[in-house]
Protein backbone atom coordinates (compact mmCIF):
# COMPACT_ATOMS: atom_id res chain seq x y z
CA UNK A 1 16.57 2.34 -3.22
CA UNK A 2 15.20 4.67 -5.90
CA UNK A 3 13.45 8.02 -5.72
CA UNK A 4 10.85 8.79 -8.37
CA UNK A 5 10.11 12.48 -8.76
CA UNK A 6 7.24 14.08 -10.61
CA UNK A 7 4.00 16.02 -10.69
CA UNK A 8 0.98 14.52 -12.42
CA UNK A 9 2.30 13.71 -15.91
CA UNK A 10 5.93 14.39 -15.01
CA UNK A 11 7.44 11.35 -13.34
CA UNK A 12 10.99 10.19 -13.87
CA UNK A 13 13.36 7.86 -12.04
CA UNK A 14 16.67 8.97 -10.55
CA UNK A 15 19.37 7.16 -8.63
CA UNK A 16 18.79 8.15 -5.03
CA UNK A 17 20.29 11.42 -3.88
CA UNK A 18 19.19 14.03 -1.34
CA UNK A 19 16.03 15.71 -2.58
CA UNK A 20 16.44 18.47 -5.11
CA UNK A 21 13.57 20.35 -6.67
CA UNK A 22 13.44 19.37 -10.36
CA UNK A 23 9.75 20.05 -10.88
CA UNK A 24 10.06 23.51 -12.33
CA UNK A 25 9.20 26.95 -11.06
CA UNK A 26 5.69 26.06 -9.94
CA UNK A 27 6.76 23.27 -7.56
CA UNK A 28 5.80 23.98 -3.98
CA UNK A 29 3.62 26.93 -4.95
CA UNK A 30 0.32 25.06 -4.62
CA UNK A 31 -0.10 25.15 -8.42
CA UNK A 32 0.00 21.39 -8.66
CA UNK A 33 -2.47 19.66 -6.33
CA UNK A 34 -2.07 15.91 -5.81
CA UNK A 35 -4.82 13.31 -5.60
CA UNK A 36 -4.03 9.92 -4.05
CA UNK A 37 -6.37 6.95 -3.64
CA UNK A 38 -5.72 4.08 -1.24
CA UNK A 39 -7.04 0.59 -1.94
CA UNK A 40 -6.03 -2.63 -0.26
CA UNK A 41 -6.68 -6.34 0.28
CA UNK A 42 -8.56 -7.18 -2.92
CA UNK A 43 -7.81 -10.92 -2.56
CA UNK A 44 -8.86 -11.11 -6.18
CA UNK A 45 -7.50 -14.48 -7.32
CA UNK A 46 -8.86 -18.01 -7.21
CA UNK A 47 -6.28 -20.52 -5.95
CA UNK A 48 -5.64 -23.77 -7.81
CA UNK A 49 -7.45 -26.88 -6.62
CA UNK A 50 -5.99 -28.12 -3.34
CA UNK A 51 -4.85 -31.37 -4.98
CA UNK A 52 -2.46 -29.32 -7.12
CA UNK A 53 -0.73 -28.01 -4.01
CA UNK A 54 1.00 -31.30 -3.14
CA UNK A 55 4.77 -30.99 -3.34
CA UNK A 56 4.79 -27.20 -3.21
CA UNK A 57 6.41 -25.05 -0.56
CA UNK A 58 4.38 -24.62 2.64
CA UNK A 59 1.83 -27.25 1.58
CA UNK A 60 0.21 -27.43 5.03
CA UNK A 61 -0.20 -23.68 5.31
CA UNK A 62 -1.48 -23.42 1.75
CA UNK A 63 -3.98 -26.20 2.34
CA UNK A 64 -5.34 -24.34 5.37
CA UNK A 65 -5.46 -21.13 3.33
CA UNK A 66 -7.31 -22.88 0.53
CA UNK A 67 -9.85 -24.23 3.02
CA UNK A 68 -10.38 -20.76 4.47
CA UNK A 69 -10.90 -19.32 0.99
CA UNK A 70 -13.28 -22.13 0.00
CA UNK A 71 -15.42 -21.83 3.14
CA UNK A 72 -15.44 -18.08 3.66
CA UNK A 73 -13.43 -15.62 1.65
CA UNK A 74 -14.69 -16.49 -1.82
CA UNK A 75 -18.21 -15.61 -0.64
CA UNK A 76 -17.20 -12.39 1.12
CA UNK A 77 -14.93 -10.96 -1.58
CA UNK A 78 -16.04 -10.98 -5.19
CA UNK A 79 -14.49 -9.96 -8.47
CA UNK A 80 -17.57 -8.02 -9.62
CA UNK A 81 -17.52 -5.81 -6.51
CA UNK A 82 -13.83 -5.14 -7.08
CA UNK A 83 -14.47 -4.22 -10.71
CA UNK A 84 -17.06 -1.67 -9.63
CA UNK A 85 -14.61 -0.12 -7.17
CA UNK A 86 -11.81 0.08 -9.75
CA UNK A 87 -14.13 1.82 -12.22
CA UNK A 88 -15.05 4.38 -9.55
CA UNK A 89 -11.40 4.93 -8.61
CA UNK A 90 -10.29 5.40 -12.21
CA UNK A 91 -13.12 7.85 -12.86
CA UNK A 92 -11.64 10.10 -10.16
CA UNK A 93 -8.30 10.39 -12.05
CA UNK A 94 -5.86 9.92 -9.15
CA UNK A 95 -2.22 10.87 -9.61
CA UNK A 96 -1.28 7.74 -7.69
CA UNK A 97 -3.13 4.65 -6.57
CA UNK A 98 -1.63 3.38 -3.31
CA UNK A 99 -2.12 -0.38 -3.27
CA UNK A 100 -1.11 -2.02 0.01
CA UNK A 101 -1.09 -5.68 -0.87
CA UNK A 102 -2.90 -8.99 -0.60
CA UNK A 103 -3.83 -9.43 -4.23
CA UNK A 104 -3.69 -13.23 -3.94
CA UNK A 105 -5.04 -15.89 -1.58
CA UNK A 106 -2.13 -18.29 -1.04
CA UNK A 107 0.64 -16.85 -3.21
CA UNK A 108 0.80 -19.53 -5.94
CA UNK A 109 2.34 -18.86 -9.33
CA UNK A 110 -1.06 -19.30 -10.98
CA UNK A 111 -2.56 -16.58 -8.78
CA UNK A 112 0.40 -14.27 -9.22
CA UNK A 113 0.09 -14.51 -13.01
CA UNK A 114 -3.65 -13.88 -12.87
CA UNK A 115 -3.16 -10.86 -10.62
CA UNK A 116 -0.73 -9.36 -13.13
CA UNK A 117 -3.56 -9.02 -15.64
CA UNK A 118 -5.56 -7.10 -13.04
CA UNK A 119 -2.59 -4.88 -12.18
CA UNK A 120 -2.17 -3.90 -15.82
CA UNK A 121 -5.85 -2.94 -15.99
CA UNK A 122 -5.60 -0.93 -12.76
CA UNK A 123 -2.92 1.41 -14.07
CA UNK A 124 0.66 1.70 -15.33
CA UNK A 125 3.44 1.05 -12.80
CA UNK A 126 4.35 4.74 -12.56
CA UNK A 127 0.79 5.47 -11.38
CA UNK A 128 0.43 2.53 -8.97
CA UNK A 129 2.51 2.60 -5.77
CA UNK A 130 2.44 -1.04 -4.70
CA UNK A 131 3.64 -2.84 -1.58
CA UNK A 132 3.01 -6.58 -1.10
CA UNK A 133 0.94 -8.20 1.62
CA UNK A 134 1.43 -11.42 3.56
CA UNK A 135 -0.89 -13.36 1.22
CA UNK A 136 1.27 -12.33 -1.74
CA UNK A 137 4.36 -13.86 -0.10
CA UNK A 138 2.45 -16.72 1.46
CA UNK A 139 5.19 -19.34 0.97
CA UNK A 140 8.91 -19.58 0.37
CA UNK A 141 8.48 -19.78 -3.42
CA UNK A 142 6.14 -16.79 -3.70
CA UNK A 143 8.64 -13.93 -3.85
CA UNK A 144 10.59 -15.43 -6.76
CA UNK A 145 7.38 -15.56 -8.78
CA UNK A 146 6.39 -12.04 -7.74
CA UNK A 147 9.74 -10.68 -8.87
CA UNK A 148 9.18 -12.17 -12.35
CA UNK A 149 5.48 -11.57 -12.91
CA UNK A 150 5.11 -8.19 -11.15
CA UNK A 151 8.63 -6.96 -11.89
CA UNK A 152 7.83 -3.41 -13.01
CA UNK A 153 5.44 -2.88 -10.08
CA UNK A 154 8.28 -3.77 -7.69
CA UNK A 155 11.57 -1.97 -7.03
CA UNK A 156 14.78 -3.11 -8.61
CA UNK A 157 16.71 -5.26 -6.17
CA UNK A 158 13.66 -7.09 -4.83
CA UNK A 159 13.23 -6.74 -1.09
CA UNK A 160 16.48 -4.74 -0.94
CA UNK A 161 14.75 -2.08 -3.05
CA UNK A 162 12.36 -1.15 -0.23
CA UNK A 163 11.42 1.35 0.91
CA UNK A 164 10.22 2.77 -2.37
CA UNK A 165 10.24 6.56 -2.48
CA UNK A 166 8.10 8.57 -4.90
CA UNK A 167 7.71 12.32 -5.07
CA UNK A 168 4.71 14.09 -6.54
CA UNK A 169 5.05 17.83 -6.20
CA UNK A 170 5.63 18.43 -2.47
CA UNK A 171 4.34 14.99 -1.44
CA UNK A 172 6.72 12.10 -0.75
CA UNK A 173 5.38 8.53 -0.67
CA UNK A 174 7.33 5.90 1.24
CA UNK A 175 6.41 2.27 0.58
CA UNK A 176 7.55 -0.47 2.98
CA UNK A 177 7.41 -4.22 2.42
CA UNK A 178 6.28 -6.06 5.55
CA UNK A 179 5.43 -9.27 3.65
CA UNK A 180 7.33 -12.41 4.62
CA UNK A 181 6.43 -16.11 4.62
CA UNK A 182 5.33 -17.36 8.05
CA UNK A 183 4.34 -20.59 9.74
CA UNK A 184 0.72 -21.80 9.59
CA UNK A 185 -1.80 -19.67 11.50
CA UNK A 186 0.62 -16.74 11.74
CA UNK A 187 0.01 -13.63 9.63
CA UNK A 188 2.81 -11.50 11.07
CA UNK A 189 4.89 -9.06 9.10
CA UNK A 190 8.55 -8.09 9.32
CA UNK A 191 10.46 -5.13 7.90
CA UNK A 192 13.96 -6.12 8.95
CA UNK A 193 16.70 -3.92 10.33
CA UNK A 194 18.18 -3.07 6.91
CA UNK A 195 14.89 -1.79 5.48
CA UNK A 196 14.20 0.24 8.61
CA UNK A 197 17.67 1.77 8.40
CA UNK A 198 17.09 2.69 4.75
CA UNK A 199 13.76 4.26 5.70
CA UNK A 200 15.43 6.34 8.39
CA UNK A 201 17.92 7.73 5.89
CA UNK A 202 15.21 8.41 3.32
CA UNK A 203 13.01 10.27 5.81
CA UNK A 204 15.91 12.50 6.79
CA UNK A 205 16.85 13.17 3.16
CA UNK A 206 13.31 14.09 2.10
CA UNK A 207 12.80 16.74 4.77
CA UNK A 208 10.52 19.62 3.93
CA UNK A 209 7.89 17.59 2.07
CA UNK A 210 4.59 16.09 3.17
CA UNK A 211 5.37 12.47 4.05
CA UNK A 212 2.99 9.55 3.57
CA UNK A 213 3.98 6.06 4.72
CA UNK A 214 2.31 3.00 3.18
CA UNK A 215 2.64 -0.66 4.17
CA UNK A 216 0.43 -3.70 4.50
CA UNK A 217 0.58 -4.39 8.24
CA UNK A 218 -0.50 -1.91 10.95
CA UNK A 219 2.71 0.02 11.54
CA UNK A 220 2.87 0.52 15.30
CA UNK A 221 2.65 -1.62 18.44
CA UNK A 222 -0.79 -2.48 19.81
CA UNK A 223 -2.72 -1.90 16.58
CA UNK A 224 -3.65 -5.57 15.96
CA UNK A 225 -3.68 -8.94 17.67
CA UNK A 226 -0.39 -10.70 18.38
CA UNK A 227 -0.43 -13.31 15.59
CA UNK A 228 -1.07 -10.67 12.91
CA UNK A 229 1.25 -7.95 14.16
CA UNK A 230 4.27 -6.30 12.59
CA UNK A 231 7.02 -8.00 14.56
CA UNK A 232 9.39 -5.03 14.52
CA UNK A 233 6.74 -2.35 14.99
CA UNK A 234 8.57 -0.99 18.06
CA UNK A 235 11.70 -0.44 15.99
CA UNK A 236 9.69 1.36 13.30
CA UNK A 237 8.02 3.45 15.99
CA UNK A 238 11.42 4.57 17.28
CA UNK A 239 12.43 5.74 13.79
CA UNK A 240 9.15 7.62 13.27
CA UNK A 241 9.56 9.41 16.59
CA UNK A 242 12.86 10.80 15.33
CA UNK A 243 11.69 11.48 11.76
CA UNK A 244 7.90 11.92 11.78
CA UNK A 245 5.56 11.29 8.88
CA UNK A 246 2.25 13.06 8.31
CA UNK A 247 -0.02 10.21 7.20
CA UNK A 248 0.21 6.41 7.58
CA UNK A 249 -1.91 4.05 5.48
CA UNK A 250 -2.18 0.29 5.78
CA UNK A 251 -4.43 -2.71 5.23
CA UNK A 252 -4.48 -6.23 6.72
CA UNK A 253 -7.28 -5.56 9.23
CA UNK A 254 -10.11 -5.68 6.67
CA UNK A 255 -11.95 -2.71 8.15
CA UNK A 256 -12.09 1.08 8.02
CA UNK A 257 -10.18 2.68 10.88
CA UNK A 258 -8.85 6.16 11.55
CA UNK A 259 -6.62 7.02 14.49
CA UNK A 260 -3.94 9.53 15.44
CA UNK A 261 -0.55 8.00 16.22
CA UNK A 262 2.73 9.87 16.78
CA UNK A 263 1.02 13.06 15.64
CA UNK A 264 0.07 11.55 12.27
CA UNK A 265 -3.25 10.37 10.89
CA UNK A 266 -3.24 6.56 10.51
CA UNK A 267 -5.81 5.01 8.18
CA UNK A 268 -6.81 1.44 7.47
CA UNK A 269 -9.17 0.78 4.57
CA UNK A 270 -11.64 -2.09 4.13
CA UNK A 271 -11.05 -4.66 1.36
CA UNK A 272 -11.51 -3.44 -2.20
CA UNK A 273 -13.49 -6.55 -3.13
CA UNK A 274 -15.95 -6.71 -0.21
CA UNK A 275 -19.66 -6.04 -0.56
CA UNK A 276 -19.01 -2.76 1.27
CA UNK A 277 -15.81 -2.21 -0.74
CA UNK A 278 -14.01 1.01 0.19
CA UNK A 279 -11.24 3.34 -0.82
CA UNK A 280 -9.79 6.52 0.63
CA UNK A 281 -9.19 9.62 -1.44
CA UNK A 282 -6.59 12.18 -0.39
CA UNK A 283 -6.52 15.61 -2.02
CA UNK A 284 -3.38 17.53 -1.10
CA UNK A 285 -2.29 21.04 -1.95
CA UNK A 286 0.62 23.12 -0.75
CA UNK A 287 -0.14 26.62 0.45
CA UNK A 288 1.68 29.36 2.26
CA UNK A 289 1.15 27.69 5.64
CA UNK A 290 2.22 24.17 4.66
CA UNK A 291 -0.20 21.63 3.24
CA UNK A 292 -3.96 21.35 3.12
CA UNK A 293 -5.25 17.76 3.17
CA UNK A 294 -8.73 16.43 2.60
CA UNK A 295 -9.40 12.75 3.24
CA UNK A 296 -12.61 11.13 2.05
CA UNK A 297 -13.70 7.56 2.75
CA UNK A 298 -15.83 6.23 -0.10
CA UNK A 299 -17.83 3.00 0.24
CA UNK A 300 -19.91 0.82 -2.04
CA UNK A 301 -23.56 1.06 -0.98
CA UNK A 302 -25.29 -0.71 -3.87
CA UNK A 303 -24.48 -2.18 -7.24
CA UNK A 304 -22.35 0.36 -9.09
CA UNK A 305 -23.03 3.07 -6.48
CA UNK A 306 -20.51 4.61 -4.10
CA UNK A 307 -20.99 7.27 -1.44
CA UNK A 308 -18.69 9.32 0.78
CA UNK A 309 -19.18 8.15 4.37
CA UNK A 310 -16.68 10.41 6.08
CA UNK A 311 -14.59 13.38 5.11
CA UNK A 312 -12.14 15.55 6.98
CA UNK A 313 -9.85 18.42 6.15
CA UNK A 314 -6.80 19.51 8.10
CA UNK A 315 -3.66 21.57 7.80
CA UNK A 316 -0.11 20.29 8.16
CA UNK A 317 2.54 22.89 8.88
CA UNK A 318 5.59 22.91 6.63
CA UNK A 319 8.77 21.48 8.09
CA UNK A 320 12.31 22.67 7.56
C-alpha cells in the first residue's frame, strides 16, 4: 500500500515506509489545521433499462436492484439535492473530502462512467479520499470497470492497494475497502484477512498521529442487521483493540448516527443526495496536549440552504 503525506497544498506520494516527518519545521506545531468533510451514499447514477441487463453478471440481483431503484430510490435521492450539497461542501474549502462509497445503483459500466464525471467535478484525486461501497461492486464485473474508469481515485494494485493511507499534518487517514459482490438480498461487506493484516501494520507504523478510519460498512459487530453487516467485523475489532484509532466514519446505514466504540467516536452520515442531505465537517488542530477536534453535522433544510444540527468539540491526547 501507499502512504501519501502532506499538509493542505503539500501532498506527495511515497512508497510505504515507517512514518517520517517530511512536512517541514511547522509540522505538529498546530500551525497547520486540517479540515475534513465526510460525504457518503450519493447513489447518483441512473441504471440502464432493465432489458439491457440480460446476459450481464448477476442479472437476477441487478434486476432486483433496478426494481428497487425504480420504485423507491430514484424518488428519495435526487441529483439536484446532491448538487446543492457539493456546492456547500466545496465552499467550505476542505483539505480532504472523505467519500465512503455507493456512487452507483447496480454497478454497471454505464453508471461507473457517469459517476466518473461527477468525481472529477467533486475534486482532484489528491483531495478526495475514496473507498467503494457495495453498490459500486454490485456484480462480478463491476470491479474491473471501476479500476479502469476510477483508476486515479483508487490505489495502485486494486483491492491489494487497500488500506489507503494519507497523512495531512498530524492526521492520518486510513481507507478500507469493504465492497464485494454478494448474492441477491445480501448487502454484506468483507475486508479479508490480507487487508486487515496490512491495516494492522499501518496502524503500528503511523503511531503518534491522530488516526481516522473510513470505510463503507459499519466497522464493528452489532452495528447493523445481519444481512448488511461487515462479515469480518470481529476480526477488525480485535485489531483496533490492539492499535486504536480516534475516529471512525462510515456510510451504508443511510442515517446520521454518532456513538462511542472502543474509545473512539464513530459517525455514520446520511446520504448526500437525500432531501435532508448531510455531511460532517471535522476541524482538527494539534496543540500542546494532543489534538483538538470539532465535529459539525450539517444538513439540508431547504433548497440551497444548509444548517448545522449538531456540533461537538473534544480533546484527544497525543500518543507515543
